[in-house]
Amino acid sequence: MPPGIYAEYGFALYEKGNFPDAIKFFKLESDKWPESRVLMAKMIRNAETCDKQGKQPNQTIIHDGSESVNTNFLEIKGASK
């Protein structure tokens, strides 16, 4: 499997709100490609938080300590309506 495939599929699951399966694929990516561990740890943490709080992915804000990134892509692209 090339780098990023597990992460891509995990993110697709994350966007659909399937957080438990997304976490599995983020962990697979992290195990297979150690250089992805920092990003995958953040994605796992966000997915766990959303799962516990019952949030939808478009309500998620990623915090990396220095800035926040809204993951609502429609809003970022200016196509929210």
Protein backbone atom coordinates (compact mmCIF):
# COMPACT_ATOMS: atom_id res chain seq x y z
CA MET A 1 0.00 0.00 0.00
CA PRO A 2 1.45 3.43 -0.88
CA PRO A 3 1.69 6.15 1.76
CA GLY A 4 -1.51 8.04 2.44
CA ILE A 5 -4.02 5.44 1.24
CA TYR A 6 -5.15 4.43 4.73
CA ALA A 7 -5.29 8.09 5.77
CA GLU A 8 -7.36 9.03 2.71
CA TYR A 9 -9.87 6.26 3.34
CA GLY A 10 -9.94 7.12 7.04
CA PHE A 11 -10.68 10.73 6.18
CA ALA A 12 -13.52 9.69 3.85
CA LEU A 13 -15.01 7.71 6.73
CA TYR A 14 -14.43 10.67 9.06
CA GLU A 15 -16.32 12.99 6.71
CA LYS A 16 -19.26 10.56 6.69
CA GLY A 17 -19.31 10.54 10.49
CA ASN A 18 -18.04 6.97 10.84
CA PHE A 19 -15.50 7.88 13.51
CA PRO A 20 -14.68 4.40 14.90
CA ASP A 21 -13.71 3.06 11.47
CA ALA A 22 -11.88 6.29 10.60
CA ILE A 23 -9.77 5.83 13.73
CA LYS A 24 -8.88 2.28 12.66
CA PHE A 25 -7.57 3.51 9.31
CA PHE A 26 -5.72 6.46 10.86
CA LYS A 27 -4.00 3.96 13.18
CA LEU A 28 -3.14 1.72 10.22
CA GLU A 29 -1.55 4.70 8.44
CA SER A 30 0.38 5.62 11.56
CA ASP A 31 1.66 2.06 12.05
CA LYS A 32 2.63 1.57 8.41
CA TRP A 33 4.17 5.03 7.86
CA PRO A 34 5.82 6.37 11.04
CA GLU A 35 6.39 9.80 9.48
CA SER A 36 2.60 10.31 9.52
CA ARG A 37 2.26 9.74 13.27
CA VAL A 38 1.96 13.40 14.29
CA LEU A 39 -0.85 14.13 11.83
CA MET A 40 -2.59 10.81 12.44
CA ALA A 41 -2.48 11.38 16.20
CA LYS A 42 -4.30 14.69 15.67
CA MET A 43 -6.86 13.08 13.37
CA ILE A 44 -7.42 10.24 15.85
CA ARG A 45 -7.87 12.72 18.70
CA ASN A 46 -10.37 14.76 16.66
CA ALA A 47 -12.31 11.67 15.59
CA GLU A 48 -12.46 10.42 19.19
CA THR A 49 -13.70 13.83 20.36
CA CYS A 50 -16.39 13.96 17.65
CA ASP A 51 -17.46 10.41 18.46
CA LYS A 52 -17.79 11.17 22.17
CA GLN A 53 -19.64 14.44 21.61
CA GLY A 54 -21.85 13.18 18.80
CA LYS A 55 -20.65 15.89 16.43
CA GLN A 56 -20.72 15.81 12.68
CA PRO A 57 -17.41 16.31 10.85
CA ASN A 58 -18.39 19.72 9.45
CA GLN A 59 -18.59 20.97 13.04
CA THR A 60 -15.03 19.91 13.83
CA ILE A 61 -12.25 22.34 14.51
CA ILE A 62 -8.69 21.01 14.47
CA HIS A 63 -6.45 22.53 17.14
CA ASP A 64 -2.71 22.11 16.77
CA GLY A 65 -1.71 24.43 19.59
CA SER A 66 -0.89 27.44 17.44
CA GLU A 67 -3.96 27.84 15.27
CA SER A 68 -7.39 26.40 14.60
CA VAL A 69 -8.50 25.07 11.25
CA ASN A 70 -12.19 24.71 10.42
CA THR A 71 -12.76 21.48 8.49
CA ASN A 72 -16.01 22.66 6.93
CA PHE A 73 -14.74 22.67 3.34
CA LEU A 74 -17.87 24.23 1.92
CA GLU A 75 -17.42 27.18 4.22
CA ILE A 76 -13.73 27.49 3.35
CA LYS A 77 -14.51 27.49 -0.37
CA GLY A 78 -17.24 30.08 0.15
CA ALA A 79 -19.95 27.70 -1.03
CA SER A 80 -21.76 27.26 2.25
CA LYS A 81 -25.15 28.22 0.81
